[in-house]
Protein backbone atom coordinates (compact mmCIF):
# COMPACT_ATOMS: atom_id res chain seq x y z
CA UNK A 1 -156.17 -43.15 -148.43
CA UNK A 2 -154.37 -44.13 -145.29
CA UNK A 3 -151.29 -42.27 -146.70
CA UNK A 4 -153.45 -39.06 -147.10
CA UNK A 5 -154.73 -39.28 -143.52
CA UNK A 6 -151.28 -39.65 -142.11
CA UNK A 7 -150.09 -36.58 -144.09
CA UNK A 8 -152.85 -34.57 -142.53
CA UNK A 9 -152.02 -35.74 -139.17
CA UNK A 10 -148.36 -34.71 -139.60
CA UNK A 11 -149.65 -31.14 -140.71
CA UNK A 12 -151.92 -30.59 -137.71
CA UNK A 13 -149.59 -31.74 -134.71
CA UNK A 14 -147.24 -28.66 -134.62
CA UNK A 15 -150.28 -26.31 -134.37
CA UNK A 16 -151.79 -28.50 -131.61
CA UNK A 17 -148.60 -28.16 -129.65
CA UNK A 18 -148.37 -24.45 -130.03
CA UNK A 19 -152.10 -23.94 -128.86
CA UNK A 20 -151.26 -26.11 -125.83
CA UNK A 21 -148.12 -24.13 -124.91
CA UNK A 22 -149.97 -20.78 -125.48
CA UNK A 23 -152.64 -22.05 -123.14
CA UNK A 24 -150.19 -22.85 -120.34
CA UNK A 25 -148.35 -19.43 -120.66
CA UNK A 26 -151.74 -17.70 -120.23
CA UNK A 27 -152.45 -19.75 -117.17
CA UNK A 28 -149.14 -19.17 -115.68
CA UNK A 29 -149.40 -15.42 -116.27
CA UNK A 30 -152.86 -15.39 -114.52
CA UNK A 31 -151.58 -17.45 -111.77
CA UNK A 32 -148.73 -15.01 -111.17
CA UNK A 33 -150.98 -11.97 -111.14
CA UNK A 34 -153.30 -13.69 -108.63
CA UNK A 35 -150.29 -14.61 -106.29
CA UNK A 36 -148.97 -11.02 -106.50
CA UNK A 37 -152.26 -9.56 -105.71
CA UNK A 38 -152.75 -11.86 -102.65
CA UNK A 39 -149.30 -11.20 -101.41
CA UNK A 40 -149.72 -7.33 -101.83
CA UNK A 41 -152.80 -7.60 -99.65
CA UNK A 42 -150.91 -9.63 -96.99
CA UNK A 43 -147.96 -7.14 -96.91
CA UNK A 44 -150.43 -4.17 -96.73
CA UNK A 45 -152.10 -5.98 -93.57
CA UNK A 46 -148.84 -6.60 -91.96
CA UNK A 47 -147.35 -2.97 -92.56
CA UNK A 48 -150.43 -1.04 -91.69
CA UNK A 49 -149.90 0.37 -88.07
CA UNK A 50 -152.36 -1.13 -85.60
CA UNK A 51 -154.36 1.29 -83.62
CA UNK A 52 -152.48 2.02 -80.29
CA UNK A 53 -154.30 2.11 -77.00
CA UNK A 54 -153.98 5.75 -75.78
CA UNK A 55 -154.08 7.21 -72.24
CA UNK A 56 -154.91 10.75 -71.04
CA UNK A 57 -152.04 12.24 -68.93
CA UNK A 58 -151.35 15.61 -67.24
CA UNK A 59 -148.51 17.59 -69.16
CA UNK A 60 -147.04 21.06 -68.67
CA UNK A 61 -148.75 23.63 -71.02
CA UNK A 62 -145.52 25.85 -70.85
CA UNK A 63 -141.91 25.75 -69.85
CA UNK A 64 -141.80 25.65 -66.01
CA UNK A 65 -138.99 26.33 -63.50
CA UNK A 66 -138.53 24.88 -60.09
CA UNK A 67 -140.86 26.44 -57.66
CA UNK A 68 -143.84 26.68 -60.14
CA UNK A 69 -147.20 25.66 -58.73
CA UNK A 70 -149.03 22.61 -60.20
CA UNK A 71 -152.50 23.79 -60.97
CA UNK A 72 -154.97 24.29 -63.71
CA UNK A 73 -153.07 27.35 -65.11
CA UNK A 74 -149.86 25.44 -65.73
CA UNK A 75 -151.16 22.02 -66.76
CA UNK A 76 -153.02 20.40 -69.48
CA UNK A 77 -154.37 16.99 -70.54
CA UNK A 78 -152.94 15.15 -73.54
CA UNK A 79 -153.41 11.62 -74.92
CA UNK A 80 -150.28 9.50 -75.40
CA UNK A 81 -149.66 5.95 -76.25
CA UNK A 82 -150.37 3.78 -73.13
CA UNK A 83 -146.99 2.10 -73.56
CA UNK A 84 -145.14 5.32 -72.67
CA UNK A 85 -147.11 5.95 -69.56
CA UNK A 86 -145.17 4.98 -66.30
CA UNK A 87 -146.40 4.22 -62.91
CA UNK A 88 -145.47 7.63 -61.57
CA UNK A 89 -147.13 9.63 -64.26
CA UNK A 90 -150.06 11.90 -62.94
CA UNK A 91 -153.42 11.20 -64.67
CA UNK A 92 -156.48 13.51 -64.75
CA UNK A 93 -158.13 11.07 -62.36
CA UNK A 94 -155.28 11.58 -59.86
CA UNK A 95 -154.60 15.35 -60.44
CA UNK A 96 -156.57 16.59 -57.45
CA UNK A 97 -154.31 14.70 -55.24
CA UNK A 98 -151.29 16.72 -56.45
CA UNK A 99 -152.92 20.07 -57.15
CA UNK A 100 -151.03 22.78 -55.38
CA UNK A 101 -147.63 20.91 -55.21
CA UNK A 102 -144.38 22.75 -56.26
CA UNK A 103 -142.02 21.75 -58.93
CA UNK A 104 -138.64 20.70 -57.58
CA UNK A 105 -137.10 20.44 -61.20
CA UNK A 106 -137.55 22.12 -64.49
CA UNK A 107 -140.64 20.79 -66.65
CA UNK A 108 -140.63 21.55 -70.34
CA UNK A 109 -143.78 22.25 -72.25
CA UNK A 110 -145.58 19.09 -73.28
CA UNK A 111 -143.63 16.96 -70.83
CA UNK A 112 -145.60 14.43 -68.58
CA UNK A 113 -146.07 15.42 -64.87
CA UNK A 114 -144.40 12.89 -62.75
CA UNK A 115 -144.31 12.43 -58.99
CA UNK A 116 -140.49 12.69 -59.24
CA UNK A 117 -140.58 16.44 -60.01
CA UNK A 118 -143.06 17.68 -57.53
CA UNK A 119 -143.15 18.11 -53.76
CA UNK A 120 -146.45 18.26 -51.78
CA UNK A 121 -144.89 19.44 -48.52
CA UNK A 122 -142.38 22.04 -49.66
CA UNK A 123 -141.14 24.08 -46.69
CA UNK A 124 -141.80 27.83 -46.68
CA UNK A 125 -138.25 28.69 -45.80
CA UNK A 126 -134.98 27.15 -45.00
CA UNK A 127 -135.80 26.45 -41.34
CA UNK A 128 -138.30 23.89 -42.55
CA UNK A 129 -135.60 21.83 -44.11
CA UNK A 130 -133.90 21.15 -40.83
CA UNK A 131 -135.05 17.87 -39.25
CA UNK A 132 -136.56 17.67 -36.00
CA UNK A 133 -134.15 17.39 -33.08
CA UNK A 134 -131.20 19.06 -35.15
CA UNK A 135 -129.85 22.50 -35.68
CA UNK A 136 -128.30 24.29 -38.59
CA UNK A 137 -125.02 26.15 -37.96
CA UNK A 138 -122.96 28.04 -40.44
CA UNK A 139 -119.12 28.22 -40.53
CA UNK A 140 -116.87 30.24 -42.80
CA UNK A 141 -114.65 28.48 -45.25
CA UNK A 142 -112.02 29.53 -47.75
CA UNK A 143 -111.11 28.12 -51.17
CA UNK A 144 -108.88 25.55 -49.69
CA UNK A 145 -111.15 24.38 -46.80
CA UNK A 146 -114.07 24.02 -49.21
CA UNK A 147 -112.17 21.73 -51.45
CA UNK A 148 -112.02 24.40 -54.23
CA UNK A 149 -115.72 24.62 -53.76
CA UNK A 150 -116.23 21.01 -54.48
CA UNK A 151 -118.20 20.42 -51.33
CA UNK A 152 -121.96 20.15 -52.32
CA UNK A 153 -125.19 20.10 -50.33
CA UNK A 154 -125.96 16.51 -49.07
CA UNK A 155 -122.18 15.63 -48.80
CA UNK A 156 -120.79 14.53 -45.42
CA UNK A 157 -117.72 15.92 -43.76
CA UNK A 158 -115.34 15.52 -40.81
CA UNK A 159 -114.41 18.75 -38.93
CA UNK A 160 -111.06 19.28 -37.21
CA UNK A 161 -109.78 22.34 -35.22
CA UNK A 162 -106.26 23.75 -35.47
CA UNK A 163 -105.44 25.76 -32.38
CA UNK A 164 -102.65 26.82 -30.01
CA UNK A 165 -101.27 23.73 -28.12
CA UNK A 166 -102.44 23.47 -24.62
CA UNK A 167 -102.36 21.09 -21.74
CA UNK A 168 -104.21 17.87 -22.35
CA UNK A 169 -106.15 17.06 -19.20
CA UNK A 170 -105.78 13.49 -19.97
CA UNK A 171 -102.11 13.35 -20.50
CA UNK A 172 -100.99 16.55 -18.56
CA UNK A 173 -98.81 17.09 -21.68
CA UNK A 174 -98.23 20.43 -23.37
CA UNK A 175 -96.02 22.16 -25.82
CA UNK A 176 -96.07 25.91 -25.34
CA UNK A 177 -95.87 28.04 -28.40
CA UNK A 178 -96.75 25.08 -30.77
CA UNK A 179 -99.98 24.12 -32.62
CA UNK A 180 -102.28 21.11 -32.35
CA UNK A 181 -105.08 19.66 -34.38
CA UNK A 182 -107.87 17.70 -32.59
CA UNK A 183 -111.09 16.12 -34.11
CA UNK A 184 -114.21 18.06 -33.52
CA UNK A 185 -117.13 16.37 -35.23
CA UNK A 186 -117.52 13.61 -37.70
CA UNK A 187 -119.88 12.48 -40.49
CA UNK A 188 -121.66 15.88 -40.51
CA UNK A 189 -124.44 16.49 -43.14
CA UNK A 190 -123.97 19.74 -45.18
CA UNK A 191 -127.37 21.37 -45.58
CA UNK A 192 -126.15 24.15 -47.68
CA UNK A 193 -123.26 25.76 -49.46
CA UNK A 194 -123.61 29.56 -49.45
CA UNK A 195 -127.37 30.01 -50.27
CA UNK A 196 -127.77 26.68 -52.22
CA UNK A 197 -129.66 24.23 -50.01
CA UNK A 198 -129.98 20.46 -49.98
CA UNK A 199 -133.87 20.53 -49.74
CA UNK A 200 -135.84 23.15 -51.76
CA UNK A 201 -138.15 25.75 -50.03
CA UNK A 202 -140.17 28.32 -51.19
CA UNK A 203 -137.90 31.09 -50.18
CA UNK A 204 -135.13 29.66 -52.42
CA UNK A 205 -137.34 29.25 -55.37
CA UNK A 206 -138.48 33.04 -55.22
CA UNK A 207 -134.84 33.96 -54.95
CA UNK A 208 -133.76 31.99 -57.87
CA UNK A 209 -136.49 33.58 -59.81
CA UNK A 210 -135.23 36.96 -59.16
CA UNK A 211 -131.37 36.38 -58.76
CA UNK A 212 -128.83 34.99 -61.02
CA UNK A 213 -127.56 31.53 -59.89
CA UNK A 214 -124.37 31.84 -57.79
CA UNK A 215 -121.76 29.08 -58.02
CA UNK A 216 -119.24 30.22 -55.40
CA UNK A 217 -119.56 30.28 -51.65
CA UNK A 218 -117.79 31.16 -48.47
CA UNK A 219 -119.93 29.37 -46.00
CA UNK A 220 -121.09 25.90 -45.28
CA UNK A 221 -124.28 25.31 -43.29
CA UNK A 222 -124.29 22.09 -41.39
CA UNK A 223 -127.01 19.99 -39.67
CA UNK A 224 -125.97 18.94 -36.04
CA UNK A 225 -127.39 18.37 -32.60
CA UNK A 226 -127.61 21.12 -30.16
CA UNK A 227 -124.69 19.85 -28.28
CA UNK A 228 -122.55 19.43 -31.22
CA UNK A 229 -123.41 23.02 -32.34
CA UNK A 230 -121.95 24.17 -29.01
CA UNK A 231 -118.82 22.10 -29.43
CA UNK A 232 -118.29 23.40 -32.97
CA UNK A 233 -118.79 26.96 -31.60
CA UNK A 234 -116.08 26.57 -29.01
CA UNK A 235 -113.69 25.10 -31.50
CA UNK A 236 -114.37 27.91 -34.07
CA UNK A 237 -113.67 30.53 -31.42
CA UNK A 238 -110.24 29.14 -30.18
CA UNK A 239 -108.94 27.92 -33.56
CA UNK A 240 -109.27 27.45 -37.28
CA UNK A 241 -111.95 24.94 -38.45
CA UNK A 242 -110.82 22.41 -41.08
CA UNK A 243 -113.38 20.57 -43.12
CA UNK A 244 -112.50 17.26 -44.74
CA UNK A 245 -114.81 15.80 -47.41
CA UNK A 246 -115.55 12.08 -47.14
CA UNK A 247 -117.18 9.39 -49.34
CA UNK A 248 -120.95 9.02 -48.63
CA UNK A 249 -120.52 5.38 -48.01
CA UNK A 250 -117.33 5.75 -45.70
CA UNK A 251 -118.40 5.24 -42.00
CA UNK A 252 -114.83 5.30 -40.66
CA UNK A 253 -113.86 7.75 -37.86
CA UNK A 254 -110.69 9.79 -37.26
CA UNK A 255 -107.95 7.55 -36.01
CA UNK A 256 -106.36 10.09 -33.64
CA UNK A 257 -107.54 12.33 -30.70
CA UNK A 258 -104.75 14.81 -30.89
CA UNK A 259 -101.81 15.64 -33.06
CA UNK A 260 -99.18 18.29 -31.99
CA UNK A 261 -95.92 19.70 -33.46
CA UNK A 262 -94.02 16.62 -32.00
CA UNK A 263 -96.16 14.52 -34.06
CA UNK A 264 -95.44 16.60 -37.26
CA UNK A 265 -91.76 16.13 -36.50
CA UNK A 266 -92.16 12.44 -36.07
CA UNK A 267 -94.14 12.06 -39.20
CA UNK A 268 -91.36 13.93 -41.08
CA UNK A 269 -88.79 11.51 -39.64
CA UNK A 270 -90.94 8.58 -40.58
CA UNK A 271 -91.13 9.96 -44.15
CA UNK A 272 -87.38 10.32 -44.23
CA UNK A 273 -87.00 6.90 -43.00
CA UNK A 274 -89.41 5.58 -45.56
CA UNK A 275 -87.50 7.55 -48.24
CA UNK A 276 -84.21 6.10 -47.15
CA UNK A 277 -85.61 2.45 -47.02
CA UNK A 278 -86.85 2.92 -50.53
CA UNK A 279 -83.61 4.01 -51.96
CA UNK A 280 -81.60 1.52 -49.66
CA UNK A 281 -83.70 -1.29 -51.19
CA UNK A 282 -82.93 0.06 -54.78
CA UNK A 283 -79.15 0.96 -53.94
CA UNK A 284 -76.44 -0.92 -55.84
CA UNK A 285 -74.78 -1.50 -52.48
CA UNK A 286 -77.36 -4.12 -51.95
CA UNK A 287 -77.14 -5.90 -55.30
CA UNK A 288 -76.98 -9.82 -55.16
CA UNK A 289 -77.80 -12.72 -57.36
CA UNK A 290 -80.99 -14.34 -57.20
CA UNK A 291 -81.80 -18.08 -57.52
CA UNK A 292 -81.55 -17.68 -61.36
CA UNK A 293 -78.22 -16.01 -61.23
CA UNK A 294 -79.56 -12.57 -62.17
CA UNK A 295 -78.29 -9.27 -60.52
CA UNK A 296 -81.21 -7.93 -58.39
CA UNK A 297 -81.55 -5.22 -55.74
CA UNK A 298 -82.77 -5.74 -52.13
CA UNK A 299 -86.43 -5.34 -53.33
CA UNK A 300 -86.04 -7.79 -56.18
CA UNK A 301 -85.60 -5.34 -59.22
CA UNK A 302 -83.60 -7.05 -61.93
CA UNK A 303 -80.70 -5.02 -63.33
CA UNK A 304 -80.89 -4.99 -67.12
CA UNK A 305 -77.49 -3.25 -67.64
CA UNK A 306 -75.26 -5.75 -69.67
CA UNK A 307 -72.01 -3.89 -68.79
CA UNK A 308 -72.07 -4.63 -64.90
CA UNK A 309 -71.20 -7.69 -62.95
CA UNK A 310 -70.76 -8.77 -59.23
CA UNK A 311 -67.50 -9.69 -57.70
CA UNK A 312 -67.34 -12.53 -55.32
CA UNK A 313 -67.11 -10.02 -52.48
CA UNK A 314 -70.56 -8.26 -53.47
CA UNK A 315 -69.17 -5.36 -55.32
CA UNK A 316 -70.92 -4.01 -58.40
CA UNK A 317 -68.41 -3.22 -61.03
CA UNK A 318 -68.38 -2.44 -64.79
CA UNK A 319 -66.57 -4.93 -67.24
CA UNK A 320 -63.46 -2.79 -67.08
CA UNK A 321 -63.35 -3.16 -63.35
CA UNK A 322 -64.76 0.36 -62.33
CA UNK A 323 -66.43 -0.04 -58.83
CA UNK A 324 -69.98 1.41 -58.79
CA UNK A 325 -70.61 0.91 -54.90
CA UNK A 326 -70.68 3.73 -52.50
CA UNK A 327 -71.56 6.45 -55.10
CA UNK A 328 -75.34 6.87 -54.19
CA UNK A 329 -76.41 5.09 -57.43
CA UNK A 330 -79.85 3.46 -57.57
CA UNK A 331 -81.71 1.10 -59.96
CA UNK A 332 -85.04 2.21 -61.29
CA UNK A 333 -88.06 -0.02 -61.88
CA UNK A 334 -86.99 -0.85 -65.51
CA UNK A 335 -83.55 -2.09 -64.07
CA UNK A 336 -81.49 0.96 -65.28
CA UNK A 337 -78.76 2.36 -63.17
CA UNK A 338 -79.26 6.11 -62.26
CA UNK A 339 -77.35 8.68 -60.12
CA UNK A 340 -78.58 10.20 -56.95
CA UNK A 341 -80.40 12.84 -58.96
CA UNK A 342 -82.22 10.20 -61.24
CA UNK A 343 -79.95 10.76 -64.24
CA UNK A 344 -79.38 7.55 -66.29
CA UNK A 345 -75.80 6.33 -66.34
CA UNK A 346 -74.06 5.03 -69.30
CA UNK A 347 -71.70 2.62 -67.30
CA UNK A 348 -69.93 1.43 -70.53
CA UNK A 349 -68.30 4.73 -71.08
CA UNK A 350 -67.50 5.72 -67.57
CA UNK A 351 -64.07 7.22 -67.07
CA UNK A 352 -62.28 8.62 -64.18
CA UNK A 353 -63.10 12.26 -63.29
CA UNK A 354 -61.76 14.70 -60.62
CA UNK A 355 -61.62 13.77 -57.00
CA UNK A 356 -62.54 10.28 -57.39
CA UNK A 357 -65.68 10.85 -59.47
CA UNK A 358 -66.71 9.18 -62.74
CA UNK A 359 -67.90 10.77 -65.97
CA UNK A 360 -69.92 8.93 -68.74
CA UNK A 361 -70.26 9.87 -72.37
CA UNK A 362 -73.15 12.19 -71.89
CA UNK A 363 -71.16 14.32 -69.23
CA UNK A 364 -73.00 12.81 -66.30
CA UNK A 365 -70.78 13.04 -63.27
CA UNK A 366 -71.20 10.27 -60.79
CA UNK A 367 -70.04 11.11 -57.20
CA UNK A 368 -66.86 9.57 -55.71
CA UNK A 369 -67.04 6.92 -53.10
CA UNK A 370 -64.04 7.97 -51.00
CA UNK A 371 -61.60 6.32 -53.31
CA UNK A 372 -59.82 7.67 -56.32
CA UNK A 373 -60.70 5.62 -59.54
CA UNK A 374 -57.84 5.35 -61.93
CA UNK A 375 -57.42 4.23 -65.45
CA UNK A 376 -57.49 0.60 -65.64
CA UNK A 377 -60.25 0.25 -63.05
CA UNK A 378 -58.09 0.37 -59.80
CA UNK A 379 -58.90 2.27 -56.63
CA UNK A 380 -56.48 4.42 -54.67
CA UNK A 381 -57.17 5.23 -51.11
CA UNK A 382 -56.22 8.36 -49.07
CA UNK A 383 -52.97 6.78 -48.01
CA UNK A 384 -52.01 6.18 -51.70
CA UNK A 385 -52.43 2.44 -51.63
CA UNK A 386 -53.58 0.88 -54.86
CA UNK A 387 -56.44 -1.56 -54.50
CA UNK A 388 -58.10 -3.91 -56.91
CA UNK A 389 -61.95 -3.89 -57.16
CA UNK A 390 -62.09 -7.29 -55.32
CA UNK A 391 -60.56 -5.85 -52.24
CA UNK A 392 -56.74 -6.51 -52.38
CA UNK A 393 -54.03 -4.00 -51.88
CA UNK A 394 -51.25 -4.34 -54.52
CA UNK A 395 -47.61 -4.09 -53.42
CA UNK A 396 -44.85 -3.29 -56.04
CA UNK A 397 -47.17 -1.01 -58.06
CA UNK A 398 -47.65 2.81 -58.10
CA UNK A 399 -49.89 5.35 -59.48
CA UNK A 400 -48.35 7.27 -62.49
CA UNK A 401 -48.56 10.76 -63.34
CA UNK A 402 -50.74 9.85 -66.37
CA UNK A 403 -53.34 8.17 -64.20
CA UNK A 404 -52.38 4.55 -64.81
CA UNK A 405 -51.21 1.99 -62.47
CA UNK A 406 -47.75 0.62 -63.25
CA UNK A 407 -45.27 -2.00 -62.05
CA UNK A 408 -41.92 -0.68 -60.88
CA UNK A 409 -40.49 -1.61 -64.30
CA UNK A 410 -43.09 0.52 -66.02
CA UNK A 411 -45.53 -2.11 -67.17
CA UNK A 412 -49.14 -0.63 -67.36
CA UNK A 413 -51.74 -2.78 -65.70
CA UNK A 414 -55.53 -3.25 -65.88
CA UNK A 415 -57.51 -4.55 -62.89
CA UNK A 416 -59.71 -6.87 -65.30
CA UNK A 417 -56.38 -8.44 -66.43
CA UNK A 418 -55.14 -9.62 -62.84
CA UNK A 419 -55.69 -12.86 -61.17
CA UNK A 420 -54.71 -13.20 -57.46
CA UNK A 421 -54.05 -16.51 -55.82
CA UNK A 422 -55.00 -17.14 -52.06
CA UNK A 423 -51.29 -16.91 -51.14
CA UNK A 424 -51.18 -13.32 -52.70
CA UNK A 425 -49.34 -14.23 -56.05
CA UNK A 426 -50.44 -11.87 -58.71
CA UNK A 427 -50.87 -12.98 -62.37
CA UNK A 428 -51.28 -11.06 -65.39
CA UNK A 429 -53.97 -12.69 -67.65
CA UNK A 430 -53.91 -12.20 -71.35
CA UNK A 431 -57.64 -12.80 -72.62
CA UNK A 432 -58.33 -15.65 -74.92
CA UNK A 433 -59.17 -15.52 -78.62
CA UNK A 434 -62.66 -14.14 -78.15
CA UNK A 435 -61.23 -11.21 -75.94
CA UNK A 436 -63.46 -12.05 -72.87
CA UNK A 437 -62.10 -12.63 -69.45
CA UNK A 438 -61.08 -16.18 -68.87
CA UNK A 439 -61.98 -18.36 -66.02
CA UNK A 440 -59.36 -20.13 -63.84
CA UNK A 441 -59.99 -23.33 -65.84
CA UNK A 442 -59.27 -21.67 -69.11
CA UNK A 443 -55.86 -20.11 -68.13
CA UNK A 444 -52.49 -21.66 -68.89
CA UNK A 445 -49.01 -20.64 -67.79
CA UNK A 446 -45.86 -20.72 -70.04
CA UNK A 447 -42.42 -21.54 -68.59
CA UNK A 448 -39.32 -19.75 -69.55
CA UNK A 449 -38.38 -22.73 -71.85
CA UNK A 450 -41.88 -22.42 -73.49
CA UNK A 451 -43.64 -25.29 -71.92
CA UNK A 452 -47.29 -24.64 -71.65
CA UNK A 453 -48.98 -26.06 -68.44
CA UNK A 454 -52.60 -26.29 -67.17
CA UNK A 455 -53.58 -24.68 -63.86
CA UNK A 456 -52.78 -27.92 -62.14
CA UNK A 457 -49.22 -28.07 -63.57
CA UNK A 458 -49.75 -30.81 -66.16
CA UNK A 459 -48.09 -30.11 -69.54
CA UNK A 460 -50.26 -29.72 -72.75
CA UNK A 461 -48.45 -31.87 -75.16
CA UNK A 462 -47.42 -30.07 -78.35
CA UNK A 463 -48.64 -26.65 -77.10
CA UNK A 464 -46.31 -23.58 -77.58
CA UNK A 465 -46.15 -19.88 -78.31
CA UNK A 466 -46.25 -18.63 -81.73
CA UNK A 467 -44.55 -15.67 -83.01
CA UNK A 468 -47.37 -13.38 -82.06
CA UNK A 469 -47.36 -14.71 -78.46
CA UNK A 470 -50.56 -16.84 -78.87
CA UNK A 471 -50.84 -20.41 -77.53
CA UNK A 472 -51.15 -23.00 -80.37
CA UNK A 473 -51.30 -26.78 -80.79
CA UNK A 474 -48.81 -28.83 -82.61
CA UNK A 475 -50.68 -27.96 -85.93
CA UNK A 476 -50.30 -24.23 -85.38
CA UNK A 477 -54.04 -23.89 -84.42
CA UNK A 478 -54.73 -21.26 -81.77
CA UNK A 479 -56.02 -22.81 -78.41
CA UNK A 480 -59.10 -21.29 -76.68
CA UNK A 481 -57.06 -20.47 -73.57
CA UNK A 482 -55.82 -17.35 -71.69
CA UNK A 483 -52.05 -17.05 -70.75
CA UNK A 484 -51.54 -16.25 -67.00
CA UNK A 485 -47.99 -14.96 -66.18
CA UNK A 486 -46.81 -14.28 -62.72
CA UNK A 487 -45.98 -10.64 -62.12
CA UNK A 488 -42.43 -10.45 -60.77
CA UNK A 489 -42.05 -8.19 -57.60
CA UNK A 490 -45.93 -7.64 -57.28
CA UNK A 491 -47.95 -9.16 -54.38
CA UNK A 492 -51.35 -8.65 -52.99
CA UNK A 493 -53.01 -8.73 -49.58
CA UNK A 494 -56.65 -8.68 -48.60
CA UNK A 495 -58.18 -5.47 -47.54
CA UNK A 496 -61.67 -6.28 -45.91
CA UNK A 497 -62.20 -2.77 -45.03
CA UNK A 498 -62.52 -1.81 -48.56
CA UNK A 499 -65.48 -4.14 -49.06
CA UNK A 500 -67.09 -3.24 -45.76
CA UNK A 501 -66.94 0.63 -46.71
CA UNK A 502 -68.07 0.21 -50.21
CA UNK A 503 -70.94 -2.10 -49.50
CA UNK A 504 -72.35 0.11 -46.62
CA UNK A 505 -71.19 -2.20 -43.77
CA UNK A 506 -68.30 0.03 -42.68
CA UNK A 507 -68.27 3.74 -41.83
CA UNK A 508 -68.27 6.40 -44.52
CA UNK A 509 -66.46 9.53 -44.46
CA UNK A 510 -68.04 12.78 -44.05
CA UNK A 511 -67.35 13.64 -47.72
CA UNK A 512 -69.14 10.56 -48.73
CA UNK A 513 -72.24 11.36 -46.65
CA UNK A 514 -72.46 14.86 -48.19
CA UNK A 515 -72.33 13.21 -51.61
CA UNK A 516 -74.99 10.68 -50.98
CA UNK A 517 -78.31 12.37 -51.35
CA UNK A 518 -81.00 9.73 -50.84
CA UNK A 519 -84.12 11.74 -51.50
CA UNK A 520 -85.53 15.24 -52.26
CA UNK A 521 -88.67 16.75 -51.12
CA UNK A 522 -90.21 19.72 -52.97
CA UNK A 523 -92.45 22.11 -50.75
CA UNK A 524 -94.65 24.65 -52.48
CA UNK A 525 -95.86 27.41 -50.07
CA UNK A 526 -98.38 29.96 -50.83
CA UNK A 527 -100.26 30.47 -54.14
CA UNK A 528 -104.09 30.99 -54.93
CA UNK A 529 -105.23 33.59 -52.21
CA UNK A 530 -101.98 33.92 -50.62
CA UNK A 531 -100.06 35.50 -53.39
CA UNK A 532 -97.15 34.00 -55.35
CA UNK A 533 -96.12 30.49 -54.50
CA UNK A 534 -92.63 29.87 -53.14
CA UNK A 535 -90.93 26.43 -53.71
CA UNK A 536 -88.40 24.92 -51.27
CA UNK A 537 -86.23 21.82 -51.99
CA UNK A 538 -85.06 19.76 -49.04
CA UNK A 539 -82.32 17.18 -49.57
CA UNK A 540 -82.34 14.06 -47.28
CA UNK A 541 -79.20 12.35 -47.07
CA UNK A 542 -78.16 9.22 -45.08
């Protein structure tokens, strides 16, 4: 009996679990539906727009132009959200206070009427726009004098008069036949340009309603005191009025009382001096080394050309010894060397040209410096003397017909290979293994018997010349030294006048002065209403 009961329980248990699971599934589904229903109601409440508070305002019932009257025929009432209503918007309750006003700006249909676009006291005509105690006066202007018609009503200008030069009662000075410019009025308010006024008036609105707008003008109407009106009239009768536009926040006054032709000439001289100073401060004649050892101009521009160096005497030379001083060369802001016309110079390719000039690989001709430049980097003066770039006159050499400098026995020399002792002894230095110029400490001398000596005379043990003429040690290894041989029959004497002339401290020849153009000024005369423009180029030399 008990076994039968247990068997029945085992059969019933799976069905019971199924029923329980089904019951829970139904409950979960019902719960989900209830949650979704509640959430839908919440979202509907949040997303449904809330009723906005509305305010009635006055709006234009049609497109209105400036000058239109504000009245019941041009305006209407409309409700708009209160959040869009500003403090200056006209409401129906305040409309009576602005009825009869005139629009000063356009107002499109449906746009709210604001205090900004209306004027309750619009003048009947232009006279009503002039402030009490002031007068309006009109002057003629052309395109130039109107700043190409950029002067607008409300701007402020200074006025000058250009007239024949006369005796100044204060200084009793005069310049017959010349011109002068004097200040007339300052900080003058422009009331109108042509027929376009600063402050609107009924006449102008009527004119705009019947005439097309005009953007050009030939007159300026100014607001001045009665006395200033008389002064301006006198100035206009005797000369030409010049109007200068100024910033509305600029309260500065003219810094002169009278300028005449002598002042113009003095100003031109100042411009020339400024130009000369500018070029002088960038000229290669003033190049020196700064605290870091860099080559810089007088105003501190660093020379970036790797092919140039500076001698002990202050001459700027190329690596092959070509002197660049005295040729009108300048240094641009990037540190590149240029000629007097602004052309870049390839200093590495410079070769001797005609009449002492130099020519680079691009065909750019560099003016001469009063000396003939030879092959090998020497200079030859007008007396035929051969000079080194460091200012020594060489004796016992001559300029050959092929343009090279040679010793009396025909040996061709290069300035970069010479070394000169204080006593005038000249040495021919053979570069070291890397081909660069050797310093004095890296040079050795070789006796006739082959003994190799240091500059102080001590013998380098085991050193000797090999079959190729190189200095090698006892093992045959080439030493990093340059060979210095005394040139027999050649001596040198210092020529300080060369350095003085090339660095600008001496006197230049007329030919040099003509070649040194420091500055060019381009003048354009005419154009616009005066016909075809003409261009003049004036060269300024030192």
